[in-house]
Amino acid sequence: MQPSTAKVNLTLDDYLVLLNVAVQVGDKKWQKEITRKLERISRFEAAKA
């Protein structure tokens, strides 16, 4: 069975929910990964403005 390779687009709210879950389960590595992604999103949005 082949795994699905569908592309998923997450919104800012989705990342915030994921960050909340990462904090609740105490996964520091996942928190850092999500935080970096949020920083990239922020810089991208600022550059568009």
PDB file of N, CA and C in Angstrom:
ATOM      1  N   MET A   1       0.842  -1.174   0.000  1.00  0.00           N
ATOM      2  CA  MET A   1       0.000   0.000   0.000  1.00  0.00           C
ATOM      3  C   MET A   1       0.890   1.241   0.000  1.00  0.00           C
ATOM      4  N   GLN A   2       0.639   2.158  -0.905  1.00  0.00           N
ATOM      5  CA  GLN A   2       1.421   3.382  -1.043  1.00  0.00           C
ATOM      6  C   GLN A   2       0.879   4.465  -0.111  1.00  0.00           C
ATOM      7  N   PRO A   3       1.770   5.186   0.573  1.00  0.00           N
ATOM      8  CA  PRO A   3       1.297   6.309   1.400  1.00  0.00           C
ATOM      9  C   PRO A   3       0.811   7.454   0.528  1.00  0.00           C
ATOM     10  N   SER A   4      -0.120   8.216   1.049  1.00  0.00           N
ATOM     11  CA  SER A   4      -0.645   9.374   0.332  1.00  0.00           C
ATOM     12  C   SER A   4       0.394  10.486   0.321  1.00  0.00           C
ATOM     13  N   THR A   5       0.491  11.187  -0.786  1.00  0.00           N
ATOM     14  CA  THR A   5       1.430  12.304  -0.890  1.00  0.00           C
ATOM     15  C   THR A   5       0.681  13.603  -1.170  1.00  0.00           C
ATOM     16  N   ALA A   6      -0.558  13.694  -0.701  1.00  0.00           N
ATOM     17  CA  ALA A   6      -1.351  14.905  -0.905  1.00  0.00           C
ATOM     18  C   ALA A   6      -0.728  16.079  -0.156  1.00  0.00           C
ATOM     19  N   LYS A   7      -0.760  17.247  -0.786  1.00  0.00           N
ATOM     20  CA  LYS A   7      -0.236  18.452  -0.166  1.00  0.00           C
ATOM     21  C   LYS A   7      -1.304  19.036   0.762  1.00  0.00           C
ATOM     22  N   VAL A   8      -0.863  19.459   1.941  1.00  0.00           N
ATOM     23  CA  VAL A   8      -1.781  20.020   2.925  1.00  0.00           C
ATOM     24  C   VAL A   8      -1.359  21.455   3.203  1.00  0.00           C
ATOM     25  N   ASN A   9      -2.313  22.366   3.171  1.00  0.00           N
ATOM     26  CA  ASN A   9      -2.054  23.761   3.504  1.00  0.00           C
ATOM     27  C   ASN A   9      -2.648  24.055   4.871  1.00  0.00           C
ATOM     28  N   LEU A  10      -1.797  24.468   5.808  1.00  0.00           N
ATOM     29  CA  LEU A  10      -2.258  24.786   7.145  1.00  0.00           C
ATOM     30  C   LEU A  10      -2.378  26.297   7.304  1.00  0.00           C
ATOM     31  N   THR A  11      -3.369  26.716   8.064  1.00  0.00           N
ATOM     32  CA  THR A  11      -3.552  28.133   8.338  1.00  0.00           C
ATOM     33  C   THR A  11      -2.796  28.507   9.614  1.00  0.00           C
ATOM     34  N   LEU A  12      -2.711  29.786   9.878  1.00  0.00           N
ATOM     35  CA  LEU A  12      -2.082  30.268  11.097  1.00  0.00           C
ATOM     36  C   LEU A  12      -2.769  29.655  12.320  1.00  0.00           C
ATOM     37  N   ASP A  13      -4.085  29.606  12.305  1.00  0.00           N
ATOM     38  CA  ASP A  13      -4.830  29.007  13.416  1.00  0.00           C
ATOM     39  C   ASP A  13      -4.459  27.535  13.614  1.00  0.00           C
ATOM     40  N   ASP A  14      -4.263  26.816  12.508  1.00  0.00           N
ATOM     41  CA  ASP A  14      -3.863  25.406  12.596  1.00  0.00           C
ATOM     42  C   ASP A  14      -2.528  25.264  13.325  1.00  0.00           C
ATOM     43  N   TYR A  15      -1.576  26.141  12.987  1.00  0.00           N
ATOM     44  CA  TYR A  15      -0.267  26.090  13.644  1.00  0.00           C
ATOM     45  C   TYR A  15      -0.378  26.435  15.122  1.00  0.00           C
ATOM     46  N   LEU A  16      -1.252  27.381  15.464  1.00  0.00           N
ATOM     47  CA  LEU A  16      -1.433  27.729  16.867  1.00  0.00           C
ATOM     48  C   LEU A  16      -2.043  26.571  17.653  1.00  0.00           C
ATOM     49  N   VAL A  17      -2.972  25.860  17.048  1.00  0.00           N
ATOM     50  CA  VAL A  17      -3.559  24.680  17.692  1.00  0.00           C
ATOM     51  C   VAL A  17      -2.482  23.615  17.895  1.00  0.00           C
ATOM     52  N   LEU A  18      -1.671  23.384  16.846  1.00  0.00           N
ATOM     53  CA  LEU A  18      -0.597  22.403  16.966  1.00  0.00           C
ATOM     54  C   LEU A  18       0.409  22.793  18.048  1.00  0.00           C
ATOM     55  N   LEU A  19       0.711  24.088  18.137  1.00  0.00           N
ATOM     56  CA  LEU A  19       1.631  24.557  19.170  1.00  0.00           C
ATOM     57  C   LEU A  19       1.041  24.299  20.552  1.00  0.00           C
ATOM     58  N   ASN A  20      -0.242  24.546  20.710  1.00  0.00           N
ATOM     59  CA  ASN A  20      -0.902  24.283  21.982  1.00  0.00           C
ATOM     60  C   ASN A  20      -0.809  22.803  22.353  1.00  0.00           C
ATOM     61  N   VAL A  21      -1.012  21.930  21.394  1.00  0.00           N
ATOM     62  CA  VAL A  21      -0.908  20.492  21.640  1.00  0.00           C
ATOM     63  C   VAL A  21       0.524  20.130  22.031  1.00  0.00           C
ATOM     64  N   ALA A  22       1.488  20.685  21.314  1.00  0.00           N
ATOM     65  CA  ALA A  22       2.896  20.404  21.607  1.00  0.00           C
ATOM     66  C   ALA A  22       3.244  20.837  23.030  1.00  0.00           C
ATOM     67  N   VAL A  23       2.722  21.975  23.463  1.00  0.00           N
ATOM     68  CA  VAL A  23       2.968  22.451  24.828  1.00  0.00           C
ATOM     69  C   VAL A  23       2.317  21.503  25.830  1.00  0.00           C
ATOM     70  N   GLN A  24       1.087  21.098  25.563  1.00  0.00           N
ATOM     71  CA  GLN A  24       0.368  20.216  26.484  1.00  0.00           C
ATOM     72  C   GLN A  24       1.076  18.875  26.673  1.00  0.00           C
ATOM     73  N   VAL A  25       1.650  18.339  25.599  1.00  0.00           N
ATOM     74  CA  VAL A  25       2.326  17.041  25.718  1.00  0.00           C
ATOM     75  C   VAL A  25       3.792  17.193  26.109  1.00  0.00           C
ATOM     76  N   GLY A  26       4.265  18.442  26.174  1.00  0.00           N
ATOM     77  CA  GLY A  26       5.634  18.690  26.615  1.00  0.00           C
ATOM     78  C   GLY A  26       6.705  18.371  25.596  1.00  0.00           C
ATOM     79  N   ASP A  27       6.358  18.426  24.313  1.00  0.00           N
ATOM     80  CA  ASP A  27       7.318  18.110  23.251  1.00  0.00           C
ATOM     81  C   ASP A  27       8.054  19.382  22.820  1.00  0.00           C
ATOM     82  N   LYS A  28       9.224  19.610  23.432  1.00  0.00           N
ATOM     83  CA  LYS A  28      10.001  20.830  23.182  1.00  0.00           C
ATOM     84  C   LYS A  28      10.487  20.927  21.740  1.00  0.00           C
ATOM     85  N   LYS A  29      10.896  19.806  21.168  1.00  0.00           N
ATOM     86  CA  LYS A  29      11.384  19.817  19.781  1.00  0.00           C
ATOM     87  C   LYS A  29      10.265  20.227  18.823  1.00  0.00           C
ATOM     88  N   TRP A  30       9.094  19.673  19.021  1.00  0.00           N
ATOM     89  CA  TRP A  30       7.944  20.000  18.177  1.00  0.00           C
ATOM     90  C   TRP A  30       7.555  21.465  18.376  1.00  0.00           C
ATOM     91  N   GLN A  31       7.597  21.960  19.617  1.00  0.00           N
ATOM     92  CA  GLN A  31       7.289  23.359  19.892  1.00  0.00           C
ATOM     93  C   GLN A  31       8.231  24.273  19.116  1.00  0.00           C
ATOM     94  N   LYS A  32       9.508  23.937  19.122  1.00  0.00           N
ATOM     95  CA  LYS A  32      10.508  24.758  18.439  1.00  0.00           C
ATOM     96  C   LYS A  32      10.253  24.749  16.926  1.00  0.00           C
ATOM     97  N   GLU A  33       9.924  23.580  16.380  1.00  0.00           N
ATOM     98  CA  GLU A  33       9.640  23.462  14.948  1.00  0.00           C
ATOM     99  C   GLU A  33       8.441  24.325  14.551  1.00  0.00           C
ATOM    100  N   ILE A  34       7.386  24.261  15.338  1.00  0.00           N
ATOM    101  CA  ILE A  34       6.177  25.035  15.044  1.00  0.00           C
ATOM    102  C   ILE A  34       6.457  26.527  15.194  1.00  0.00           C
ATOM    103  N   THR A  35       7.203  26.892  16.233  1.00  0.00           N
ATOM    104  CA  THR A  35       7.539  28.297  16.458  1.00  0.00           C
ATOM    105  C   THR A  35       8.341  28.851  15.289  1.00  0.00           C
ATOM    106  N   ARG A  36       9.287  28.067  14.772  1.00  0.00           N
ATOM    107  CA  ARG A  36      10.059  28.517  13.600  1.00  0.00           C
ATOM    108  C   ARG A  36       9.150  28.741  12.399  1.00  0.00           C
ATOM    109  N   LYS A  37       8.217  27.835  12.198  1.00  0.00           N
ATOM    110  CA  LYS A  37       7.282  27.974  11.079  1.00  0.00           C
ATOM    111  C   LYS A  37       6.441  29.238  11.249  1.00  0.00           C
ATOM    112  N   LEU A  38       5.977  29.500  12.458  1.00  0.00           N
ATOM    113  CA  LEU A  38       5.189  30.705  12.713  1.00  0.00           C
ATOM    114  C   LEU A  38       6.016  31.962  12.464  1.00  0.00           C
ATOM    115  N   GLU A  39       7.294  31.930  12.810  1.00  0.00           N
ATOM    116  CA  GLU A  39       8.173  33.071  12.545  1.00  0.00           C
ATOM    117  C   GLU A  39       8.330  33.295  11.044  1.00  0.00           C
ATOM    118  N   ARG A  40       8.481  32.210  10.284  1.00  0.00           N
ATOM    119  CA  ARG A  40       8.581  32.339   8.821  1.00  0.00           C
ATOM    120  C   ARG A  40       7.304  32.926   8.240  1.00  0.00           C
ATOM    121  N   ILE A  41       6.165  32.471   8.717  1.00  0.00           N
ATOM    122  CA  ILE A  41       4.870  32.987   8.255  1.00  0.00           C
ATOM    123  C   ILE A  41       4.791  34.481   8.558  1.00  0.00           C
ATOM    124  N   SER A  42       5.205  34.864   9.762  1.00  0.00           N
ATOM    125  CA  SER A  42       5.168  36.261  10.165  1.00  0.00           C
ATOM    126  C   SER A  42       6.047  37.128   9.272  1.00  0.00           C
ATOM    127  N   ARG A  43       7.267  36.661   8.996  1.00  0.00           N
ATOM    128  CA  ARG A  43       8.160  37.424   8.133  1.00  0.00           C
ATOM    129  C   ARG A  43       7.600  37.542   6.717  1.00  0.00           C
ATOM    130  N   PHE A  44       7.004  36.477   6.214  1.00  0.00           N
ATOM    131  CA  PHE A  44       6.416  36.481   4.875  1.00  0.00           C
ATOM    132  C   PHE A  44       5.272  37.484   4.803  1.00  0.00           C
ATOM    133  N   GLU A  45       4.409  37.466   5.820  1.00  0.00           N
ATOM    134  CA  GLU A  45       3.261  38.389   5.846  1.00  0.00           C
ATOM    135  C   GLU A  45       3.747  39.834   5.951  1.00  0.00           C
ATOM    136  N   ALA A  46       4.785  40.075   6.751  1.00  0.00           N
ATOM    137  CA  ALA A  46       5.320  41.434   6.906  1.00  0.00           C
ATOM    138  C   ALA A  46       5.915  41.930   5.595  1.00  0.00           C
ATOM    139  N   ALA A  47       6.550  41.043   4.859  1.00  0.00           N
ATOM    140  CA  ALA A  47       7.161  41.425   3.577  1.00  0.00           C
ATOM    141  C   ALA A  47       6.089  41.768   2.539  1.00  0.00           C
ATOM    142  N   LYS A  48       4.938  41.128   2.635  1.00  0.00           N
ATOM    143  CA  LYS A  48       3.850  41.412   1.697  1.00  0.00           C
ATOM    144  C   LYS A  48       3.225  42.769   1.956  1.00  0.00           C
ATOM    145  N   ALA A  49       3.260  43.223   3.188  1.00  0.00           N
ATOM    146  CA  ALA A  49       2.586  44.483   3.570  1.00  0.00           C
ATOM    147  C   ALA A  49       3.321  45.702   3.107  1.00  0.00           C
TER     148      ALA A  49
END
